[in-house]
Amino acid sequence: MLEKSFLADIRKMLSAARQKAYAAVSSTMVDAYWQIGKRIIEEEQNGNEKTNYGTFLLKELAKHLTIEFGKGFEERELRRIRQFYQTFPIRDALRPELTWTHYRILLRVESSTARDYYISETAAQSWSTRQLERNINTLYYERLLSTQNKSAALRDELHMEKVISSDIIKDPYVLEFLGLERPTGYSESEIETAIISNLQSFLLELGKGFSFVGRQYRIKTDTKVFYIDLVFYNYILKCFVLIDLKINELTHQDIGQMDMYVRMFEDLKKTEGDNPTIGIIFCAEKDHTIVKYSILEENKQLFASKYRLVLPTEEELRAELEREKQLIREQIESRN
């Protein structure tokens, strides 16, 4: 009978070899599609005096390739391959970590800046094609940048060049992956339970550098015991991040409670070398008047962000982001 350790070693070797083989095949096909796209463009340019030559070329090419190589080379796919070359004209800039499916998804992103961000994060964070598509559909990049001006203003104020807390906070957070879609309301406990059940997806939505610390995290003073809904640690900022879930609109009591949690955590839990603790209140709705005239306005470690349990349309999400940007612009103008 084979020893378990021996069998495990062989399995590990085979799995690693298969992964390398898949990666090599994927990279080869991406390179081939890039070359095909380039060759199509060259042929179209050579025949640009002929009426509708480009359309004719792709139709005829699709017929021949389908006969010889089977499905996957219909005219629509050839148009996509041509677009691939036009979008990524520098061959050496292609990332070997990305598959052809990744690049097909990226072709839908019109902004070159957003597209570069998604490419970089997909390679760095090993996003699957499903994760990439989800992040594009929920405007992950745009939501992260919705407070860009505020972050820049705070950085100038603090005379800092490094990453600061507001750089990682999104507003709103989209939590459609929790599967809480029925029309009736949910309790904070139910949302919390759903987050723990979908922790990997939640960490992806939170952003880069987060690791889970605890749920209903117990913090004890001399006279009382308190429980914080969710606690994370961000290794980029080197600080703890506390999250308090609220199923209703943000209130000044919620803000006061989070301020107390952060102060207690700083005093009782933060260790040497940790940066100041961040507190985020996840609320169903928030009144910007309360935000403006509360400690949230000046406290650089406290934040309030809306969450959406159902995936909004792109138009709804863009409108919400534009409202946030306008409020940030007004806040910056009022300071100057």
C-alpha atoms as a PDB file:
ATOM      1  CA  MET A   1       0.000   0.000   0.000  1.00  0.00           C
ATOM      2  CA  LEU A   2       1.308   3.423  -0.985  1.00  0.00           C
ATOM      3  CA  GLU A   3       2.238   5.891   1.698  1.00  0.00           C
ATOM      4  CA  LYS A   4      -0.031   8.942   1.838  1.00  0.00           C
ATOM      5  CA  SER A   5       2.881  11.374   1.768  1.00  0.00           C
ATOM      6  CA  PHE A   6       4.331   9.723  -1.357  1.00  0.00           C
ATOM      7  CA  LEU A   7       0.987   9.799  -3.163  1.00  0.00           C
ATOM      8  CA  ALA A   8       0.420  13.420  -2.105  1.00  0.00           C
ATOM      9  CA  ASP A   9       3.809  14.404  -3.539  1.00  0.00           C
ATOM     10  CA  ILE A  10       3.035  12.785  -6.905  1.00  0.00           C
ATOM     11  CA  ARG A  11      -0.381  14.434  -7.053  1.00  0.00           C
ATOM     12  CA  LYS A  12       1.180  17.794  -6.251  1.00  0.00           C
ATOM     13  CA  MET A  13       3.735  17.367  -9.051  1.00  0.00           C
ATOM     14  CA  LEU A  14       1.066  16.424 -11.595  1.00  0.00           C
ATOM     15  CA  SER A  15      -1.220  19.282 -10.560  1.00  0.00           C
ATOM     16  CA  ALA A  16       1.630  21.775 -10.867  1.00  0.00           C
ATOM     17  CA  ALA A  17       2.575  20.392 -14.288  1.00  0.00           C
ATOM     18  CA  ARG A  18      -1.015  20.604 -15.517  1.00  0.00           C
ATOM     19  CA  GLN A  19      -1.354  24.184 -14.311  1.00  0.00           C
ATOM     20  CA  LYS A  20       1.842  25.132 -16.140  1.00  0.00           C
ATOM     21  CA  ALA A  21       0.607  23.370 -19.275  1.00  0.00           C
ATOM     22  CA  TYR A  22      -2.772  25.149 -19.141  1.00  0.00           C
ATOM     23  CA  ALA A  23      -1.028  28.486 -18.587  1.00  0.00           C
ATOM     24  CA  ALA A  24       1.330  27.852 -21.500  1.00  0.00           C
ATOM     25  CA  VAL A  25      -1.528  26.896 -23.841  1.00  0.00           C
ATOM     26  CA  SER A  26      -3.569  29.922 -22.739  1.00  0.00           C
ATOM     27  CA  SER A  27      -0.660  32.307 -23.267  1.00  0.00           C
ATOM     28  CA  THR A  28       0.035  30.779 -26.686  1.00  0.00           C
ATOM     29  CA  MET A  29      -3.584  31.223 -27.781  1.00  0.00           C
ATOM     30  CA  VAL A  30      -3.696  34.843 -26.587  1.00  0.00           C
ATOM     31  CA  ASP A  31      -0.570  35.499 -28.633  1.00  0.00           C
ATOM     32  CA  ALA A  32      -2.092  33.738 -31.643  1.00  0.00           C
ATOM     33  CA  TYR A  33      -5.289  35.818 -31.443  1.00  0.00           C
ATOM     34  CA  TRP A  34      -3.204  38.983 -31.237  1.00  0.00           C
ATOM     35  CA  GLN A  35      -1.313  37.983 -34.395  1.00  0.00           C
ATOM     36  CA  ILE A  36      -4.537  37.054 -36.184  1.00  0.00           C
ATOM     37  CA  GLY A  37      -6.061  40.422 -35.271  1.00  0.00           C
ATOM     38  CA  LYS A  38      -2.972  42.196 -36.586  1.00  0.00           C
ATOM     39  CA  ARG A  39      -3.057  40.228 -39.826  1.00  0.00           C
ATOM     40  CA  ILE A  40      -6.772  40.993 -40.340  1.00  0.00           C
ATOM     41  CA  ILE A  41      -6.136  44.715 -39.918  1.00  0.00           C
ATOM     42  CA  GLU A  42      -3.245  44.573 -42.392  1.00  0.00           C
ATOM     43  CA  GLU A  43      -5.368  42.747 -44.959  1.00  0.00           C
ATOM     44  CA  GLU A  44      -8.255  45.190 -44.520  1.00  0.00           C
ATOM     45  CA  GLN A  45      -5.921  48.117 -45.029  1.00  0.00           C
ATOM     46  CA  ASN A  46      -4.518  46.543 -48.189  1.00  0.00           C
ATOM     47  CA  GLY A  47      -8.031  46.174 -49.559  1.00  0.00           C
ATOM     48  CA  ASN A  48      -9.460  49.466 -48.336  1.00  0.00           C
ATOM     49  CA  GLU A  49     -10.410  50.603 -51.855  1.00  0.00           C
ATOM     50  CA  LYS A  50     -12.953  47.828 -52.214  1.00  0.00           C
ATOM     51  CA  THR A  51     -16.513  48.499 -51.069  1.00  0.00           C
ATOM     52  CA  ASN A  52     -17.340  46.727 -47.782  1.00  0.00           C
ATOM     53  CA  TYR A  53     -14.135  44.743 -48.067  1.00  0.00           C
ATOM     54  CA  GLY A  54     -13.788  44.402 -44.311  1.00  0.00           C
ATOM     55  CA  THR A  55     -17.216  42.793 -43.935  1.00  0.00           C
ATOM     56  CA  PHE A  56     -16.581  40.472 -46.870  1.00  0.00           C
ATOM     57  CA  LEU A  57     -13.164  39.504 -45.496  1.00  0.00           C
ATOM     58  CA  LEU A  58     -14.442  38.459 -42.064  1.00  0.00           C
ATOM     59  CA  LYS A  59     -17.416  36.525 -43.480  1.00  0.00           C
ATOM     60  CA  GLU A  60     -15.221  34.546 -45.845  1.00  0.00           C
ATOM     61  CA  LEU A  61     -12.523  33.986 -43.240  1.00  0.00           C
ATOM     62  CA  ALA A  62     -15.129  32.746 -40.747  1.00  0.00           C
ATOM     63  CA  LYS A  63     -16.414  30.192 -43.279  1.00  0.00           C
ATOM     64  CA  HIS A  64     -12.963  28.757 -43.987  1.00  0.00           C
ATOM     65  CA  LEU A  65     -11.798  28.665 -40.371  1.00  0.00           C
ATOM     66  CA  THR A  66     -15.017  27.053 -39.147  1.00  0.00           C
ATOM     67  CA  ILE A  67     -14.684  24.276 -41.728  1.00  0.00           C
ATOM     68  CA  GLU A  68     -11.066  23.601 -40.813  1.00  0.00           C
ATOM     69  CA  PHE A  69     -10.950  24.349 -37.066  1.00  0.00           C
ATOM     70  CA  GLY A  70     -14.563  23.980 -35.953  1.00  0.00           C
ATOM     71  CA  LYS A  71     -16.636  26.319 -33.800  1.00  0.00           C
ATOM     72  CA  GLY A  72     -15.145  29.405 -32.197  1.00  0.00           C
ATOM     73  CA  PHE A  73     -14.259  31.328 -35.332  1.00  0.00           C
ATOM     74  CA  GLU A  74     -17.596  32.770 -36.377  1.00  0.00           C
ATOM     75  CA  GLU A  75     -17.649  36.310 -37.759  1.00  0.00           C
ATOM     76  CA  ARG A  76     -18.551  37.864 -34.400  1.00  0.00           C
ATOM     77  CA  GLU A  77     -15.547  36.230 -32.737  1.00  0.00           C
ATOM     78  CA  LEU A  78     -13.245  37.400 -35.512  1.00  0.00           C
ATOM     79  CA  ARG A  79     -14.487  40.940 -34.970  1.00  0.00           C
ATOM     80  CA  ARG A  80     -13.594  40.534 -31.318  1.00  0.00           C
ATOM     81  CA  ILE A  81     -10.115  39.275 -32.236  1.00  0.00           C
ATOM     82  CA  ARG A  82      -9.642  42.284 -34.501  1.00  0.00           C
ATOM     83  CA  GLN A  83     -10.795  44.577 -31.675  1.00  0.00           C
ATOM     84  CA  PHE A  84      -8.334  42.808 -29.357  1.00  0.00           C
ATOM     85  CA  TYR A  85      -5.397  43.849 -31.515  1.00  0.00           C
ATOM     86  CA  GLN A  86      -6.744  47.391 -31.902  1.00  0.00           C
ATOM     87  CA  THR A  87      -7.204  47.741 -28.129  1.00  0.00           C
ATOM     88  CA  PHE A  88      -3.837  46.169 -27.246  1.00  0.00           C
ATOM     89  CA  PRO A  89      -1.529  47.071 -30.144  1.00  0.00           C
ATOM     90  CA  ILE A  90       1.688  46.499 -28.146  1.00  0.00           C
ATOM     91  CA  ARG A  91       2.352  42.783 -28.070  1.00  0.00           C
ATOM     92  CA  ASP A  92       4.877  42.885 -25.220  1.00  0.00           C
ATOM     93  CA  ALA A  93       2.317  44.637 -22.983  1.00  0.00           C
ATOM     94  CA  LEU A  94       0.070  41.565 -22.888  1.00  0.00           C
ATOM     95  CA  ARG A  95       0.008  39.916 -19.460  1.00  0.00           C
ATOM     96  CA  PRO A  96       0.727  36.160 -19.393  1.00  0.00           C
ATOM     97  CA  GLU A  97      -1.455  35.807 -16.264  1.00  0.00           C
ATOM     98  CA  LEU A  98      -4.592  36.708 -18.263  1.00  0.00           C
ATOM     99  CA  THR A  99      -6.470  34.221 -20.421  1.00  0.00           C
ATOM    100  CA  TRP A 100      -8.295  34.945 -23.652  1.00  0.00           C
ATOM    101  CA  THR A 101     -11.558  34.987 -21.695  1.00  0.00           C
ATOM    102  CA  HIS A 102     -10.124  37.694 -19.426  1.00  0.00           C
ATOM    103  CA  TYR A 103      -9.244  39.794 -22.451  1.00  0.00           C
ATOM    104  CA  ARG A 104     -12.666  39.250 -24.035  1.00  0.00           C
ATOM    105  CA  ILE A 105     -14.271  40.667 -20.881  1.00  0.00           C
ATOM    106  CA  LEU A 106     -11.830  43.582 -20.773  1.00  0.00           C
ATOM    107  CA  LEU A 107     -12.756  44.608 -24.313  1.00  0.00           C
ATOM    108  CA  ARG A 108     -16.084  45.858 -22.916  1.00  0.00           C
ATOM    109  CA  VAL A 109     -14.318  48.464 -20.751  1.00  0.00           C
ATOM    110  CA  GLU A 110     -14.234  51.720 -22.708  1.00  0.00           C
ATOM    111  CA  SER A 111     -11.991  53.737 -20.381  1.00  0.00           C
ATOM    112  CA  SER A 112      -8.319  52.894 -20.957  1.00  0.00           C
ATOM    113  CA  THR A 113      -7.494  53.975 -17.380  1.00  0.00           C
ATOM    114  CA  ALA A 114     -10.121  51.645 -15.905  1.00  0.00           C
ATOM    115  CA  ARG A 115      -9.032  48.869 -18.245  1.00  0.00           C
ATOM    116  CA  ASP A 116      -5.385  49.225 -17.150  1.00  0.00           C
ATOM    117  CA  TYR A 117      -6.518  49.053 -13.519  1.00  0.00           C
ATOM    118  CA  TYR A 118      -8.494  45.839 -14.096  1.00  0.00           C
ATOM    119  CA  ILE A 119      -5.570  44.268 -15.966  1.00  0.00           C
ATOM    120  CA  SER A 120      -3.143  45.108 -13.185  1.00  0.00           C
ATOM    121  CA  GLU A 121      -5.444  43.882 -10.407  1.00  0.00           C
ATOM    122  CA  THR A 122      -6.400  40.703 -12.272  1.00  0.00           C
ATOM    123  CA  ALA A 123      -2.729  39.815 -12.646  1.00  0.00           C
ATOM    124  CA  ALA A 124      -1.771  40.829  -9.107  1.00  0.00           C
ATOM    125  CA  GLN A 125      -4.789  39.344  -7.319  1.00  0.00           C
ATOM    126  CA  SER A 126      -5.283  36.302  -9.580  1.00  0.00           C
ATOM    127  CA  TRP A 127      -8.895  37.248 -10.308  1.00  0.00           C
ATOM    128  CA  SER A 128     -10.873  34.568 -12.070  1.00  0.00           C
ATOM    129  CA  THR A 129     -12.855  35.542 -15.159  1.00  0.00           C
ATOM    130  CA  ARG A 130     -16.015  35.493 -13.044  1.00  0.00           C
ATOM    131  CA  GLN A 131     -14.472  37.838 -10.473  1.00  0.00           C
ATOM    132  CA  LEU A 132     -13.248  40.188 -13.190  1.00  0.00           C
ATOM    133  CA  GLU A 133     -16.644  40.313 -14.874  1.00  0.00           C
ATOM    134  CA  ARG A 134     -18.411  40.914 -11.584  1.00  0.00           C
ATOM    135  CA  ASN A 135     -16.072  43.764 -10.673  1.00  0.00           C
ATOM    136  CA  ILE A 136     -16.536  45.423 -14.045  1.00  0.00           C
ATOM    137  CA  ASN A 137     -20.325  45.072 -13.836  1.00  0.00           C
ATOM    138  CA  THR A 138     -20.392  46.666 -10.370  1.00  0.00           C
ATOM    139  CA  LEU A 139     -18.075  49.540 -11.408  1.00  0.00           C
ATOM    140  CA  TYR A 140     -15.479  48.428  -8.863  1.00  0.00           C
ATOM    141  CA  TYR A 141     -12.866  50.835 -10.192  1.00  0.00           C
ATOM    142  CA  GLU A 142     -15.250  53.789 -10.347  1.00  0.00           C
ATOM    143  CA  ARG A 143     -16.535  53.151  -6.830  1.00  0.00           C
ATOM    144  CA  LEU A 144     -12.995  53.012  -5.500  1.00  0.00           C
ATOM    145  CA  LEU A 145     -12.246  56.334  -7.162  1.00  0.00           C
ATOM    146  CA  SER A 146     -15.461  58.032  -6.062  1.00  0.00           C
ATOM    147  CA  THR A 147     -13.548  59.519  -3.118  1.00  0.00           C
ATOM    148  CA  GLN A 148     -10.338  60.157  -5.036  1.00  0.00           C
ATOM    149  CA  ASN A 149     -10.557  63.921  -4.669  1.00  0.00           C
ATOM    150  CA  LYS A 150     -11.256  63.589  -0.956  1.00  0.00           C
ATOM    151  CA  SER A 151      -8.269  61.292  -0.551  1.00  0.00           C
ATOM    152  CA  ALA A 152      -6.043  63.712  -2.449  1.00  0.00           C
ATOM    153  CA  ALA A 153      -7.207  66.614  -0.297  1.00  0.00           C
ATOM    154  CA  LEU A 154      -6.565  64.673   2.903  1.00  0.00           C
ATOM    155  CA  ARG A 155      -3.153  63.600   1.678  1.00  0.00           C
ATOM    156  CA  ASP A 156      -2.202  67.204   0.971  1.00  0.00           C
ATOM    157  CA  GLU A 157      -3.534  68.194   4.363  1.00  0.00           C
ATOM    158  CA  LEU A 158      -1.417  65.550   6.066  1.00  0.00           C
ATOM    159  CA  HIS A 159       1.603  66.154   3.811  1.00  0.00           C
ATOM    160  CA  MET A 160       1.657  62.478   2.933  1.00  0.00           C
ATOM    161  CA  GLU A 161       2.396  60.582  -0.283  1.00  0.00           C
ATOM    162  CA  LYS A 162       1.669  57.067   0.946  1.00  0.00           C
ATOM    163  CA  VAL A 163      -1.692  55.263   0.912  1.00  0.00           C
ATOM    164  CA  ILE A 164      -4.177  56.607   3.465  1.00  0.00           C
ATOM    165  CA  SER A 165      -7.365  55.109   4.886  1.00  0.00           C
ATOM    166  CA  SER A 166      -9.809  56.842   2.526  1.00  0.00           C
ATOM    167  CA  ASP A 167      -8.016  55.297  -0.466  1.00  0.00           C
ATOM    168  CA  ILE A 168      -9.486  51.878   0.324  1.00  0.00           C
ATOM    169  CA  ILE A 169     -13.060  52.866   1.225  1.00  0.00           C
ATOM    170  CA  LYS A 170     -15.751  52.405  -1.412  1.00  0.00           C
ATOM    171  CA  ASP A 171     -19.205  53.938  -1.406  1.00  0.00           C
ATOM    172  CA  PRO A 172     -21.479  52.173  -2.081  1.00  0.00           C
ATOM    173  CA  TYR A 173     -20.543  48.558  -1.436  1.00  0.00           C
ATOM    174  CA  VAL A 174     -22.412  46.072  -3.623  1.00  0.00           C
ATOM    175  CA  LEU A 175     -23.255  42.825  -1.805  1.00  0.00           C
ATOM    176  CA  GLU A 176     -25.433  41.046  -4.344  1.00  0.00           C
ATOM    177  CA  PHE A 177     -23.398  37.851  -3.840  1.00  0.00           C
ATOM    178  CA  LEU A 178     -25.004  37.416  -0.403  1.00  0.00           C
ATOM    179  CA  GLY A 179     -28.160  36.194  -2.128  1.00  0.00           C
ATOM    180  CA  LEU A 180     -30.477  38.321   0.035  1.00  0.00           C
ATOM    181  CA  GLU A 181     -33.036  39.191  -2.614  1.00  0.00           C
ATOM    182  CA  ARG A 182     -36.458  38.702  -1.102  1.00  0.00           C
ATOM    183  CA  PRO A 183     -38.504  41.934  -0.766  1.00  0.00           C
ATOM    184  CA  THR A 184     -38.888  41.760   3.018  1.00  0.00           C
ATOM    185  CA  GLY A 185     -36.263  43.265   5.294  1.00  0.00           C
ATOM    186  CA  TYR A 186     -33.345  41.499   6.896  1.00  0.00           C
ATOM    187  CA  SER A 187     -31.946  41.727  10.373  1.00  0.00           C
ATOM    188  CA  GLU A 188     -28.372  42.811  10.963  1.00  0.00           C
ATOM    189  CA  SER A 189     -27.655  39.296  12.220  1.00  0.00           C
ATOM    190  CA  GLU A 190     -28.910  37.733   8.965  1.00  0.00           C
ATOM    191  CA  ILE A 191     -26.738  40.032   6.863  1.00  0.00           C
ATOM    192  CA  GLU A 192     -23.767  39.304   9.088  1.00  0.00           C
ATOM    193  CA  THR A 193     -24.333  35.549   8.773  1.00  0.00           C
ATOM    194  CA  ALA A 194     -24.587  35.845   4.987  1.00  0.00           C
ATOM    195  CA  ILE A 195     -21.290  37.757   4.895  1.00  0.00           C
ATOM    196  CA  ILE A 196     -19.511  35.041   6.878  1.00  0.00           C
ATOM    197  CA  SER A 197     -20.990  32.403   4.537  1.00  0.00           C
ATOM    198  CA  ASN A 198     -19.646  34.352   1.550  1.00  0.00           C
ATOM    199  CA  LEU A 199     -16.462  35.616   3.178  1.00  0.00           C
ATOM    200  CA  GLN A 200     -14.220  35.168   0.138  1.00  0.00           C
ATOM    201  CA  SER A 201     -16.531  37.286  -2.038  1.00  0.00           C
ATOM    202  CA  PHE A 202     -16.870  39.873   0.714  1.00  0.00           C
ATOM    203  CA  LEU A 203     -13.085  40.187   1.035  1.00  0.00           C
ATOM    204  CA  LEU A 204     -12.899  40.725  -2.711  1.00  0.00           C
ATOM    205  CA  GLU A 205     -15.513  43.476  -2.483  1.00  0.00           C
ATOM    206  CA  LEU A 206     -13.717  45.133   0.435  1.00  0.00           C
ATOM    207  CA  GLY A 207     -10.580  45.409  -1.667  1.00  0.00           C
ATOM    208  CA  LYS A 208      -6.877  44.718  -1.493  1.00  0.00           C
ATOM    209  CA  GLY A 209      -5.090  43.746   1.692  1.00  0.00           C
ATOM    210  CA  PHE A 210      -7.981  42.612   3.924  1.00  0.00           C
ATOM    211  CA  SER A 211      -7.931  39.558   6.166  1.00  0.00           C
ATOM    212  CA  PHE A 212     -10.707  38.395   8.479  1.00  0.00           C
ATOM    213  CA  VAL A 213     -10.172  38.672  12.239  1.00  0.00           C
ATOM    214  CA  GLY A 214     -13.510  37.952  13.870  1.00  0.00           C
ATOM    215  CA  ARG A 215     -17.302  38.195  14.052  1.00  0.00           C
ATOM    216  CA  GLN A 216     -19.064  39.674  17.073  1.00  0.00           C
ATOM    217  CA  TYR A 217     -15.609  40.549  18.294  1.00  0.00           C
ATOM    218  CA  ARG A 218     -15.632  40.827  22.084  1.00  0.00           C
ATOM    219  CA  ILE A 219     -14.093  43.892  23.674  1.00  0.00           C
ATOM    220  CA  LYS A 220     -14.225  44.289  27.454  1.00  0.00           C
ATOM    221  CA  THR A 221     -13.748  47.307  29.680  1.00  0.00           C
ATOM    222  CA  ASP A 222     -13.627  47.357  33.477  1.00  0.00           C
ATOM    223  CA  THR A 223     -17.404  47.523  33.701  1.00  0.00           C
ATOM    224  CA  LYS A 224     -18.935  46.423  30.377  1.00  0.00           C
ATOM    225  CA  VAL A 225     -18.590  44.055  27.427  1.00  0.00           C
ATOM    226  CA  PHE A 226     -19.188  45.183  23.828  1.00  0.00           C
ATOM    227  CA  TYR A 227     -19.415  43.201  20.597  1.00  0.00           C
ATOM    228  CA  ILE A 228     -18.231  44.612  17.258  1.00  0.00           C
ATOM    229  CA  ASP A 229     -20.035  43.113  14.252  1.00  0.00           C
ATOM    230  CA  LEU A 230     -16.993  42.408  12.063  1.00  0.00           C
ATOM    231  CA  VAL A 231     -13.270  43.018  12.500  1.00  0.00           C
ATOM    232  CA  PHE A 232     -10.644  42.823   9.730  1.00  0.00           C
ATOM    233  CA  TYR A 233      -6.980  43.689   9.389  1.00  0.00           C
ATOM    234  CA  ASN A 234      -5.538  45.461   6.359  1.00  0.00           C
ATOM    235  CA  TYR A 235      -1.907  44.552   5.827  1.00  0.00           C
ATOM    236  CA  ILE A 236      -1.317  47.408   3.353  1.00  0.00           C
ATOM    237  CA  LEU A 237      -2.436  50.081   5.805  1.00  0.00           C
ATOM    238  CA  LYS A 238      -1.228  47.976   8.740  1.00  0.00           C
ATOM    239  CA  CYS A 239      -4.323  48.639  10.803  1.00  0.00           C
ATOM    240  CA  PHE A 240      -7.501  47.040  12.111  1.00  0.00           C
ATOM    241  CA  VAL A 241     -10.775  47.803  10.312  1.00  0.00           C
ATOM    242  CA  LEU A 242     -14.026  47.627  12.291  1.00  0.00           C
ATOM    243  CA  ILE A 243     -17.379  47.249  10.504  1.00  0.00           C
ATOM    244  CA  ASP A 244     -20.738  47.946  12.103  1.00  0.00           C
ATOM    245  CA  LEU A 245     -23.825  46.821  10.159  1.00  0.00           C
ATOM    246  CA  LYS A 246     -27.005  48.938  10.189  1.00  0.00           C
ATOM    247  CA  ILE A 247     -30.209  47.955   8.408  1.00  0.00           C
ATOM    248  CA  ASN A 248     -31.673  51.466   8.538  1.00  0.00           C
ATOM    249  CA  GLU A 249     -30.583  54.992   7.725  1.00  0.00           C
ATOM    250  CA  LEU A 250     -27.437  56.311   9.369  1.00  0.00           C
ATOM    251  CA  THR A 251     -28.004  58.153  12.666  1.00  0.00           C
ATOM    252  CA  HIS A 252     -25.757  60.239  14.881  1.00  0.00           C
ATOM    253  CA  GLN A 253     -26.084  57.483  17.502  1.00  0.00           C
ATOM    254  CA  ASP A 254     -24.536  55.024  15.033  1.00  0.00           C
ATOM    255  CA  ILE A 255     -21.637  57.410  14.468  1.00  0.00           C
ATOM    256  CA  GLY A 256     -21.114  57.882  18.199  1.00  0.00           C
ATOM    257  CA  GLN A 257     -21.153  54.129  18.748  1.00  0.00           C
ATOM    258  CA  MET A 258     -18.510  53.518  16.065  1.00  0.00           C
ATOM    259  CA  ASP A 259     -16.385  56.353  17.419  1.00  0.00           C
ATOM    260  CA  MET A 260     -16.499  54.653  20.821  1.00  0.00           C
ATOM    261  CA  TYR A 261     -15.584  51.258  19.323  1.00  0.00           C
ATOM    262  CA  VAL A 262     -12.574  52.739  17.527  1.00  0.00           C
ATOM    263  CA  ARG A 263     -11.373  54.543  20.658  1.00  0.00           C
ATOM    264  CA  MET A 264     -11.763  51.387  22.742  1.00  0.00           C
ATOM    265  CA  PHE A 265      -9.976  49.275  20.145  1.00  0.00           C
ATOM    266  CA  GLU A 266      -7.131  51.776  20.024  1.00  0.00           C
ATOM    267  CA  ASP A 267      -6.763  51.619  23.781  1.00  0.00           C
ATOM    268  CA  LEU A 268      -7.312  47.921  24.402  1.00  0.00           C
ATOM    269  CA  LYS A 269      -6.451  45.934  21.264  1.00  0.00           C
ATOM    270  CA  LYS A 270      -4.085  47.824  18.975  1.00  0.00           C
ATOM    271  CA  THR A 271      -0.530  46.530  19.197  1.00  0.00           C
ATOM    272  CA  GLU A 272       2.791  48.274  18.717  1.00  0.00           C
ATOM    273  CA  GLY A 273       3.429  48.974  15.044  1.00  0.00           C
ATOM    274  CA  ASP A 274      -0.264  49.151  14.094  1.00  0.00           C
ATOM    275  CA  ASN A 275      -1.552  52.313  12.453  1.00  0.00           C
ATOM    276  CA  PRO A 276      -4.747  54.017  13.715  1.00  0.00           C
ATOM    277  CA  THR A 277      -7.865  51.824  13.612  1.00  0.00           C
ATOM    278  CA  ILE A 278     -10.475  52.469  10.914  1.00  0.00           C
ATOM    279  CA  GLY A 279     -14.219  52.286  11.559  1.00  0.00           C
ATOM    280  CA  ILE A 280     -16.746  51.821   8.744  1.00  0.00           C
ATOM    281  CA  ILE A 281     -20.495  51.982   9.295  1.00  0.00           C
ATOM    282  CA  PHE A 282     -22.360  49.954   6.672  1.00  0.00           C
ATOM    283  CA  CYS A 283     -25.812  51.538   6.409  1.00  0.00           C
ATOM    284  CA  ALA A 284     -28.792  50.992   4.125  1.00  0.00           C
ATOM    285  CA  GLU A 285     -29.154  54.770   3.631  1.00  0.00           C
ATOM    286  CA  LYS A 286     -27.322  57.852   4.820  1.00  0.00           C
ATOM    287  CA  ASP A 287     -28.353  61.462   5.217  1.00  0.00           C
ATOM    288  CA  HIS A 288     -25.500  63.668   4.041  1.00  0.00           C
ATOM    289  CA  THR A 289     -26.588  66.385   6.445  1.00  0.00           C
ATOM    290  CA  ILE A 290     -25.800  64.039   9.331  1.00  0.00           C
ATOM    291  CA  VAL A 291     -22.469  63.192   7.726  1.00  0.00           C
ATOM    292  CA  LYS A 292     -21.608  66.857   7.189  1.00  0.00           C
ATOM    293  CA  TYR A 293     -22.410  67.991  10.720  1.00  0.00           C
ATOM    294  CA  SER A 294     -21.013  65.000  12.595  1.00  0.00           C
ATOM    295  CA  ILE A 295     -17.524  63.887  13.550  1.00  0.00           C
ATOM    296  CA  LEU A 296     -17.413  61.972  10.251  1.00  0.00           C
ATOM    297  CA  GLU A 297     -16.613  65.251   8.518  1.00  0.00           C
ATOM    298  CA  GLU A 298     -13.332  65.766  10.372  1.00  0.00           C
ATOM    299  CA  ASN A 299     -12.380  62.323  11.653  1.00  0.00           C
ATOM    300  CA  LYS A 300     -10.025  60.736   9.134  1.00  0.00           C
ATOM    301  CA  GLN A 301     -10.540  57.218  10.518  1.00  0.00           C
ATOM    302  CA  LEU A 302     -14.357  57.049  10.568  1.00  0.00           C
ATOM    303  CA  PHE A 303     -16.475  56.381   7.471  1.00  0.00           C
ATOM    304  CA  ALA A 304     -20.085  55.706   6.547  1.00  0.00           C
ATOM    305  CA  SER A 305     -20.822  53.767   3.358  1.00  0.00           C
ATOM    306  CA  LYS A 306     -24.071  52.562   1.871  1.00  0.00           C
ATOM    307  CA  TYR A 307     -24.486  48.941   0.901  1.00  0.00           C
ATOM    308  CA  ARG A 308     -26.685  47.470  -1.815  1.00  0.00           C
ATOM    309  CA  LEU A 309     -28.009  43.916  -1.401  1.00  0.00           C
ATOM    310  CA  VAL A 310     -29.294  43.739  -4.970  1.00  0.00           C
ATOM    311  CA  LEU A 311     -27.149  44.479  -7.999  1.00  0.00           C
ATOM    312  CA  PRO A 312     -28.164  47.935  -9.275  1.00  0.00           C
ATOM    313  CA  THR A 313     -28.179  48.804 -12.947  1.00  0.00           C
ATOM    314  CA  GLU A 314     -25.100  50.527 -14.311  1.00  0.00           C
ATOM    315  CA  GLU A 315     -27.132  53.718 -14.750  1.00  0.00           C
ATOM    316  CA  GLU A 316     -28.270  53.649 -11.107  1.00  0.00           C
ATOM    317  CA  LEU A 317     -24.739  53.004  -9.897  1.00  0.00           C
ATOM    318  CA  ARG A 318     -23.232  55.774 -12.025  1.00  0.00           C
ATOM    319  CA  ALA A 319     -25.894  58.228 -10.813  1.00  0.00           C
ATOM    320  CA  GLU A 320     -25.129  57.326  -7.204  1.00  0.00           C
ATOM    321  CA  LEU A 321     -21.404  57.747  -7.753  1.00  0.00           C
ATOM    322  CA  GLU A 322     -21.962  61.123  -9.384  1.00  0.00           C
ATOM    323  CA  ARG A 323     -23.944  62.288  -6.352  1.00  0.00           C
ATOM    324  CA  GLU A 324     -21.074  61.221  -4.098  1.00  0.00           C
ATOM    325  CA  LYS A 325     -18.531  63.039  -6.266  1.00  0.00           C
ATOM    326  CA  GLN A 326     -20.613  66.208  -6.207  1.00  0.00           C
ATOM    327  CA  LEU A 327     -20.838  66.090  -2.410  1.00  0.00           C
ATOM    328  CA  ILE A 328     -17.081  65.601  -2.171  1.00  0.00           C
ATOM    329  CA  ARG A 329     -16.493  68.558  -4.479  1.00  0.00           C
ATOM    330  CA  GLU A 330     -18.755  70.692  -2.306  1.00  0.00           C
ATOM    331  CA  GLN A 331     -16.898  69.614   0.834  1.00  0.00           C
ATOM    332  CA  ILE A 332     -13.535  70.487  -0.691  1.00  0.00           C
ATOM    333  CA  GLU A 333     -14.804  73.850  -1.924  1.00  0.00           C
ATOM    334  CA  SER A 334     -16.178  74.691   1.519  1.00  0.00           C
ATOM    335  CA  ARG A 335     -12.740  74.060   3.054  1.00  0.00           C
ATOM    336  CA  ASN A 336     -10.982  76.376   0.619  1.00  0.00           C
END
